[in-house]
Amino acid sequence: MRLSHWSILALVAVGLAGCQDFGSAVGERYLCSGRITEAGCLGSCETPYVTCANHCCVAGMVCLDAKCCQPLCTMPDGRAMECGDDGCGGICGKCNTAQTCTDGRCLCQQQDHMACCGDAICWIDSCGHVGDVLEKCGLASCSGLNWMSAATCVNGKCMDPIPVDCNDGNPCTRDICDSEAGCSHEDLDGIVCNDGSCTESNWSSPKMCSQGQCSEGGQVEDCDDGIPCTDDVCSFSQGCTHWIRSGACFIDGLCYLEGAAEAGDRCSRCRSALDQTDWSAAEDGTDCGTGSCSGLTFNVDKTCLNGVCAGGASSTICVDDNPCFVASCDPVEVCIFTPVSADVNPCTP
């Protein structure tokens, strides 16, 4: 007699304990077309259930070693399983340490850790595959003459490099900061790179740039010209300069004191207020003829007129109110003033 589902359940309810325990069979159902005993189903299982050593396995399961098991290494959709339990105490395969078994597939875990991908930070899966970019490290830049190269990724972090000073300290180069190229330097030729200097009476001329080096110039010049009537001056910027002293003339390479006459022409004189480098016409009335003395009076038969010895006679009294000098007359030198001796004791020779 064939039992219905309800009959089977009724039998279970009245205490057929043996029918509840058919070993460790998985998915066993009391869907038997024969007689059910403590040993199991004596007969065959109802379609589509599978008979397995007196047990009935649910549809889709297989009988293995008298046990109802999942199909070996096969997914419900028919795909082969890469990993996991085969349902009968065995395994369909193991994943490598970087993967995990998910629904029978060996999968890499996304966003496992962060790491560098070039100069950026990216998610890396457990298998080492690069994922989404999280952060891009900064680009190279310039701040004045300070160059910052592009930030680099180190151990999963953006690390800024040390700034580079593009100023090379060379006055003969033009320093350039370019965000992409970094620091560069262009030669500056023909400009002053080192001012002149004075050391005592020696002047060092300024140096000039040549091929990016401060090398041209720097010659040393002695500012002492050896001329007694000039003041020698050393200037950092102008070098050596020579100034004729007040009350003197420098004519044709020789020094003359104020009022000195040109040889052979007593109407040409050194007049520093008019010209310090050439002879000037003597003042009208200046002695130029033959002189003679009468006591302290100097007499001359001619005087200068408009720079020519063509004027009339004149006389000059040689008198000095300074008690420290003794006046005398000379036919050539005119008036001579001799200092009085410091010793005024009449008893000394």
Protein backbone atom coordinates (compact mmCIF):
# COMPACT_ATOMS: atom_id res chain seq x y z
CA MET A 1 0.00 0.00 0.00
CA ARG A 2 1.34 3.43 -0.93
CA LEU A 3 1.42 5.94 1.86
CA SER A 4 0.54 9.52 1.33
CA HIS A 5 2.51 12.44 2.77
CA TRP A 6 -0.06 12.87 5.47
CA SER A 7 0.14 9.12 6.32
CA ILE A 8 3.89 9.40 6.71
CA LEU A 9 3.53 12.35 9.04
CA ALA A 10 0.94 10.41 11.01
CA LEU A 11 3.31 7.52 11.46
CA VAL A 12 5.97 9.85 12.72
CA ALA A 13 3.50 11.35 15.14
CA VAL A 14 2.56 7.95 16.69
CA GLY A 15 6.11 7.17 17.67
CA LEU A 16 7.95 5.57 14.77
CA ALA A 17 11.19 6.95 16.10
CA GLY A 18 13.29 4.82 13.74
CA CYS A 19 11.88 6.64 10.83
CA GLN A 20 13.21 9.92 12.19
CA ASP A 21 16.76 8.82 12.49
CA PHE A 22 18.22 7.47 9.31
CA GLY A 23 21.83 8.25 10.13
CA SER A 24 23.45 11.44 8.92
CA ALA A 25 21.79 11.53 5.55
CA VAL A 26 21.35 15.14 4.40
CA GLY A 27 18.03 16.26 3.00
CA GLU A 28 16.36 12.94 3.81
CA ARG A 29 12.59 13.00 3.47
CA TYR A 30 10.00 10.45 4.34
CA LEU A 31 8.77 10.35 0.78
CA CYS A 32 8.84 6.62 0.23
CA SER A 33 6.73 4.64 -2.22
CA GLY A 34 7.28 1.40 -0.27
CA ARG A 35 7.11 0.42 3.34
CA ILE A 36 8.92 2.49 5.95
CA THR A 37 10.73 0.64 8.72
CA GLU A 38 13.40 1.49 11.17
CA ALA A 39 15.90 0.63 8.50
CA GLY A 40 14.43 3.19 6.21
CA CYS A 41 12.40 3.10 3.10
CA LEU A 42 11.85 -0.40 1.83
CA GLY A 43 11.18 0.20 -1.77
CA SER A 44 11.77 3.23 -3.91
CA CYS A 45 11.43 6.94 -3.26
CA GLU A 46 8.85 9.06 -4.90
CA THR A 47 9.85 10.98 -7.97
CA PRO A 48 11.78 13.28 -8.15
CA TYR A 49 13.43 12.17 -4.93
CA VAL A 50 16.47 9.89 -5.10
CA THR A 51 16.69 6.51 -3.36
CA CYS A 52 19.93 6.24 -1.42
CA ALA A 53 20.51 3.13 0.70
CA ASN A 54 16.93 3.00 1.85
CA HIS A 55 16.85 6.78 2.17
CA CYS A 56 15.23 9.38 0.03
CA CYS A 57 17.30 12.38 -1.08
CA VAL A 58 15.63 15.64 -2.11
CA ALA A 59 15.74 16.68 -5.70
CA GLY A 60 19.09 18.02 -6.84
CA MET A 61 21.08 15.97 -4.31
CA VAL A 62 23.15 12.88 -5.04
CA CYS A 63 23.77 9.67 -3.17
CA LEU A 64 27.38 9.22 -2.10
CA ASP A 65 28.60 6.59 0.33
CA ALA A 66 25.00 5.99 1.43
CA LYS A 67 24.61 9.68 2.16
CA CYS A 68 22.51 12.34 0.52
CA CYS A 69 24.99 14.99 -0.63
CA GLN A 70 25.08 18.19 -2.61
CA PRO A 71 26.31 17.63 -6.20
CA LEU A 72 30.10 17.47 -6.01
CA CYS A 73 31.70 20.87 -6.75
CA THR A 74 28.72 22.12 -8.71
CA MET A 75 26.87 25.35 -8.07
CA PRO A 76 23.05 25.40 -8.07
CA ASP A 77 23.21 27.08 -11.45
CA GLY A 78 25.40 24.30 -12.81
CA ARG A 79 28.71 26.16 -12.68
CA ALA A 80 31.69 24.34 -11.29
CA MET A 81 32.70 25.34 -7.77
CA GLU A 82 36.25 26.63 -7.26
CA CYS A 83 36.30 26.18 -3.53
CA GLY A 84 34.27 25.20 -0.49
CA ASP A 85 32.69 22.05 0.99
CA ASP A 86 31.42 19.47 -1.44
CA GLY A 87 28.66 18.59 1.03
CA CYS A 88 30.01 15.12 1.74
CA GLY A 89 32.95 15.85 3.96
CA GLY A 90 35.34 16.82 1.19
CA ILE A 91 36.27 20.13 -0.41
CA CYS A 92 36.01 21.38 -3.95
CA GLY A 93 39.29 23.28 -3.66
CA LYS A 94 41.13 25.86 -1.61
CA CYS A 95 41.79 29.52 -2.43
CA ASN A 96 45.24 31.05 -2.11
CA THR A 97 45.99 33.11 0.95
CA ALA A 98 45.11 36.38 -0.84
CA GLN A 99 41.59 35.18 -1.76
CA THR A 100 38.53 34.13 0.14
CA CYS A 101 35.88 31.62 -0.88
CA THR A 102 32.55 33.28 -1.56
CA ASP A 103 29.64 31.19 -2.93
CA GLY A 104 32.08 28.70 -4.36
CA ARG A 105 34.27 31.28 -6.04
CA CYS A 106 37.78 32.41 -5.06
CA LEU A 107 37.56 36.18 -4.89
CA CYS A 108 40.08 38.93 -4.10
CA GLN A 109 38.95 41.23 -1.33
CA GLN A 110 38.41 44.75 -2.59
CA GLN A 111 39.89 47.75 -0.72
CA ASP A 112 42.13 45.49 1.29
CA HIS A 113 44.73 48.20 1.93
CA MET A 114 46.07 51.52 0.62
CA ALA A 115 49.36 51.79 -1.23
CA CYS A 116 51.21 53.92 -3.76
CA CYS A 117 50.31 53.82 -7.42
CA GLY A 118 52.93 56.01 -9.03
CA ASP A 119 52.70 59.43 -7.36
CA ALA A 120 49.19 58.77 -6.04
CA ILE A 121 47.55 56.70 -3.29
CA CYS A 122 45.19 53.92 -4.40
CA TRP A 123 43.11 51.11 -2.96
CA ILE A 124 44.80 47.76 -3.47
CA ASP A 125 42.84 44.50 -3.27
CA SER A 126 44.09 41.45 -1.42
CA CYS A 127 45.61 40.11 -4.65
CA GLY A 128 47.63 43.26 -5.26
CA HIS A 129 45.48 44.70 -8.03
CA VAL A 130 45.27 48.51 -8.16
CA GLY A 131 41.83 49.96 -7.52
CA ASP A 132 40.41 53.45 -7.21
CA VAL A 133 42.68 56.47 -6.69
CA LEU A 134 42.19 58.02 -3.25
CA GLU A 135 44.58 60.95 -3.44
CA LYS A 136 47.00 62.42 -5.95
CA CYS A 137 50.22 63.76 -4.52
CA GLY A 138 50.92 67.46 -5.23
CA LEU A 139 52.50 68.72 -8.43
CA ALA A 140 55.84 70.55 -8.59
CA SER A 141 55.66 74.30 -7.93
CA CYS A 142 57.70 77.50 -7.51
CA SER A 143 57.49 80.06 -4.74
CA GLY A 144 59.76 82.90 -5.76
CA LEU A 145 63.12 81.22 -6.34
CA ASN A 146 62.23 78.22 -4.16
CA TRP A 147 61.38 75.12 -6.17
CA MET A 148 59.34 72.28 -4.74
CA SER A 149 59.50 69.13 -6.82
CA ALA A 150 56.41 66.96 -7.17
CA ALA A 151 55.34 65.21 -3.98
CA THR A 152 55.97 61.47 -4.06
CA CYS A 153 54.11 58.59 -2.52
CA VAL A 154 56.09 56.69 0.10
CA ASN A 155 54.58 53.78 2.03
CA GLY A 156 51.08 54.88 1.13
CA LYS A 157 51.58 58.52 2.09
CA CYS A 158 52.28 61.67 0.09
CA MET A 159 55.68 62.98 1.11
CA ASP A 160 56.71 66.55 0.23
CA PRO A 161 60.38 66.93 -0.79
CA ILE A 162 62.74 69.51 0.69
CA PRO A 163 62.48 72.88 -1.16
CA VAL A 164 65.41 73.75 -3.44
CA ASP A 165 66.79 77.33 -3.46
CA CYS A 166 67.41 78.31 -7.09
CA ASN A 167 69.62 81.24 -6.02
CA ASP A 168 73.14 80.04 -6.80
CA GLY A 169 74.75 83.13 -5.26
CA ASN A 170 76.51 83.92 -8.54
CA PRO A 171 76.03 87.57 -9.60
CA CYS A 172 76.85 86.59 -13.17
CA THR A 173 73.82 84.33 -13.64
CA ARG A 174 70.09 84.93 -13.81
CA ASP A 175 68.36 82.40 -11.58
CA ILE A 176 65.16 80.83 -12.91
CA CYS A 177 62.58 78.66 -11.15
CA ASP A 178 60.30 76.62 -13.40
CA SER A 179 57.67 74.40 -11.81
CA GLU A 180 58.29 71.59 -14.30
CA ALA A 181 61.99 71.95 -15.13
CA GLY A 182 63.14 73.07 -11.68
CA CYS A 183 66.12 75.43 -11.26
CA SER A 184 68.18 76.79 -14.13
CA HIS A 185 70.73 79.59 -14.57
CA GLU A 186 71.44 81.87 -17.53
CA ASP A 187 74.81 83.61 -18.00
CA LEU A 188 74.82 87.39 -17.61
CA ASP A 189 77.80 88.92 -19.44
CA GLY A 190 79.04 92.50 -19.45
CA ILE A 191 77.59 93.62 -16.12
CA VAL A 192 79.50 94.73 -13.03
CA CYS A 193 79.77 91.87 -10.57
CA ASN A 194 82.31 93.28 -8.11
CA ASP A 195 82.68 96.98 -7.31
CA GLY A 196 86.08 98.65 -7.35
CA SER A 197 88.01 98.98 -4.10
CA CYS A 198 90.66 101.23 -2.60
CA THR A 199 93.54 100.03 -0.47
CA GLU A 200 95.62 102.97 0.69
CA SER A 201 96.58 104.62 -2.63
CA ASN A 202 95.86 101.54 -4.76
CA TRP A 203 92.60 101.18 -6.69
CA SER A 204 91.26 97.85 -7.93
CA SER A 205 88.93 98.36 -10.88
CA PRO A 206 85.46 96.72 -10.91
CA LYS A 207 85.09 93.20 -12.24
CA MET A 208 82.74 92.29 -15.07
CA CYS A 209 80.81 89.11 -15.85
CA SER A 210 82.12 86.93 -18.66
CA GLN A 211 80.58 83.55 -19.57
CA GLY A 212 78.81 83.41 -16.25
CA GLN A 213 81.95 84.08 -14.20
CA CYS A 214 83.05 87.23 -12.36
CA SER A 215 86.46 87.35 -14.03
CA GLU A 216 86.96 90.41 -16.25
CA GLY A 217 88.69 93.48 -14.79
CA GLY A 218 90.06 93.86 -11.31
CA GLN A 219 93.31 95.56 -12.43
CA VAL A 220 95.22 97.40 -9.72
CA GLU A 221 96.27 101.04 -10.27
CA ASP A 222 98.54 103.16 -8.07
CA CYS A 223 96.80 106.50 -7.53
CA ASP A 224 100.02 108.28 -6.56
CA ASP A 225 100.99 110.21 -9.69
CA GLY A 226 104.20 111.61 -8.18
CA ILE A 227 103.17 115.21 -8.97
CA PRO A 228 103.75 117.44 -5.91
CA CYS A 229 101.00 119.97 -6.71
CA THR A 230 98.13 117.43 -7.02
CA ASP A 231 95.96 115.72 -4.42
CA ASP A 232 95.58 112.05 -5.35
CA VAL A 233 92.15 110.53 -4.54
CA CYS A 234 91.00 106.89 -4.77
CA SER A 235 87.27 106.42 -5.44
CA PHE A 236 85.53 103.04 -5.38
CA SER A 237 83.41 103.88 -8.41
CA GLN A 238 85.63 106.33 -10.35
CA GLY A 239 89.06 104.97 -9.58
CA CYS A 240 92.03 107.31 -9.31
CA THR A 241 91.46 111.04 -9.69
CA HIS A 242 93.98 113.88 -9.35
CA TRP A 243 93.08 117.40 -8.27
CA ILE A 244 95.46 120.34 -8.69
CA ARG A 245 95.82 122.01 -5.34
CA SER A 246 94.44 125.46 -4.67
CA GLY A 247 96.99 128.23 -5.32
CA ALA A 248 98.97 126.17 -7.84
CA CYS A 249 99.10 125.50 -11.57
CA PHE A 250 100.17 122.37 -13.45
CA ILE A 251 101.32 123.49 -16.89
CA ASP A 252 103.16 121.37 -19.45
CA GLY A 253 103.99 118.73 -16.85
CA LEU A 254 105.40 121.17 -14.27
CA CYS A 255 104.02 122.66 -11.06
CA TYR A 256 103.96 126.45 -10.52
CA LEU A 257 102.92 128.49 -7.51
CA GLU A 258 100.34 131.24 -7.71
CA GLY A 259 101.75 134.32 -9.55
CA ALA A 260 104.72 132.48 -11.09
CA ALA A 261 105.71 133.91 -14.51
CA GLU A 262 106.27 132.00 -17.68
CA ALA A 263 109.92 131.85 -18.67
CA GLY A 264 110.66 134.75 -21.05
CA ASP A 265 107.24 136.35 -20.61
CA ARG A 266 106.58 138.03 -17.31
CA CYS A 267 103.08 139.03 -18.43
CA SER A 268 102.00 135.35 -18.51
CA ARG A 269 101.37 134.14 -15.00
CA CYS A 270 99.95 131.27 -12.96
CA ARG A 271 96.54 132.49 -11.96
CA SER A 272 94.87 129.41 -10.46
CA ALA A 273 91.49 131.07 -10.11
CA LEU A 274 91.38 131.51 -13.89
CA ASP A 275 93.12 128.42 -15.24
CA GLN A 276 95.22 125.81 -13.45
CA THR A 277 96.48 124.06 -16.55
CA ASP A 278 97.63 126.99 -18.73
CA TRP A 279 99.19 130.44 -18.48
CA SER A 280 96.92 133.40 -17.87
CA ALA A 281 97.47 137.09 -18.71
CA ALA A 282 99.01 138.95 -15.78
CA GLU A 283 96.99 141.66 -14.15
CA ASP A 284 97.50 145.09 -15.68
CA GLY A 285 100.29 146.97 -13.87
CA THR A 286 102.28 143.84 -13.08
CA ASP A 287 106.04 144.52 -13.28
CA CYS A 288 107.62 143.23 -16.45
CA GLY A 289 110.52 145.62 -17.31
CA THR A 290 113.96 146.25 -15.82
CA GLY A 291 113.86 146.77 -12.10
CA SER A 292 115.97 148.73 -9.67
CA CYS A 293 115.94 149.42 -5.96
CA SER A 294 116.12 152.68 -4.07
CA GLY A 295 116.13 151.67 -0.43
CA LEU A 296 112.93 149.68 0.07
CA THR A 297 111.39 151.07 -3.11
CA PHE A 298 111.35 148.88 -6.18
CA ASN A 299 111.22 150.75 -9.47
CA VAL A 300 110.43 149.19 -12.84
CA ASP A 301 110.39 150.91 -16.19
CA LYS A 302 107.57 148.79 -17.72
CA THR A 303 104.36 147.05 -16.61
CA CYS A 304 101.92 144.60 -18.15
CA LEU A 305 98.92 145.85 -20.06
CA ASN A 306 96.37 143.41 -21.50
CA GLY A 307 98.88 140.60 -21.16
CA VAL A 308 101.65 142.46 -22.96
CA CYS A 309 104.67 144.22 -21.42
CA ALA A 310 103.72 147.60 -22.80
CA GLY A 311 102.60 149.61 -19.80
CA GLY A 312 104.36 152.50 -18.12
CA ALA A 313 106.75 152.54 -15.18
CA SER A 314 105.69 151.78 -11.62
CA SER A 315 107.09 151.73 -8.12
CA THR A 316 106.49 149.38 -5.20
CA ILE A 317 107.47 149.99 -1.58
CA CYS A 318 108.62 146.84 0.14
CA VAL A 319 107.00 147.16 3.52
CA ASP A 320 105.64 144.42 5.77
CA ASP A 321 103.84 145.23 8.97
CA ASN A 322 104.61 141.80 10.35
CA PRO A 323 107.44 142.16 12.92
CA CYS A 324 108.48 138.61 12.31
CA PHE A 325 109.77 139.41 8.82
CA VAL A 326 112.46 141.83 7.56
CA ALA A 327 111.70 143.49 4.21
CA SER A 328 114.29 144.12 1.51
CA CYS A 329 114.30 145.16 -2.18
CA ASP A 330 115.81 143.10 -5.00
CA PRO A 331 116.07 144.30 -8.65
CA VAL A 332 114.97 140.87 -9.86
CA GLU A 333 112.91 139.37 -7.08
CA VAL A 334 111.32 142.75 -6.25
CA CYS A 335 110.35 142.59 -2.54
CA ILE A 336 111.88 139.93 -0.33
CA PHE A 337 110.60 139.21 3.19
CA THR A 338 113.03 137.29 5.40
CA PRO A 339 111.83 135.70 8.64
CA VAL A 340 113.38 137.20 11.82
CA SER A 341 115.57 134.77 13.79
CA ALA A 342 113.84 133.25 16.80
CA ASP A 343 116.83 134.20 18.97
CA VAL A 344 116.34 137.91 19.88
CA ASN A 345 119.03 138.04 22.60
CA PRO A 346 121.39 140.89 21.59
CA CYS A 347 124.23 139.21 23.45
CA THR A 348 124.31 136.20 21.18
CA PRO A 349 126.31 136.28 17.95
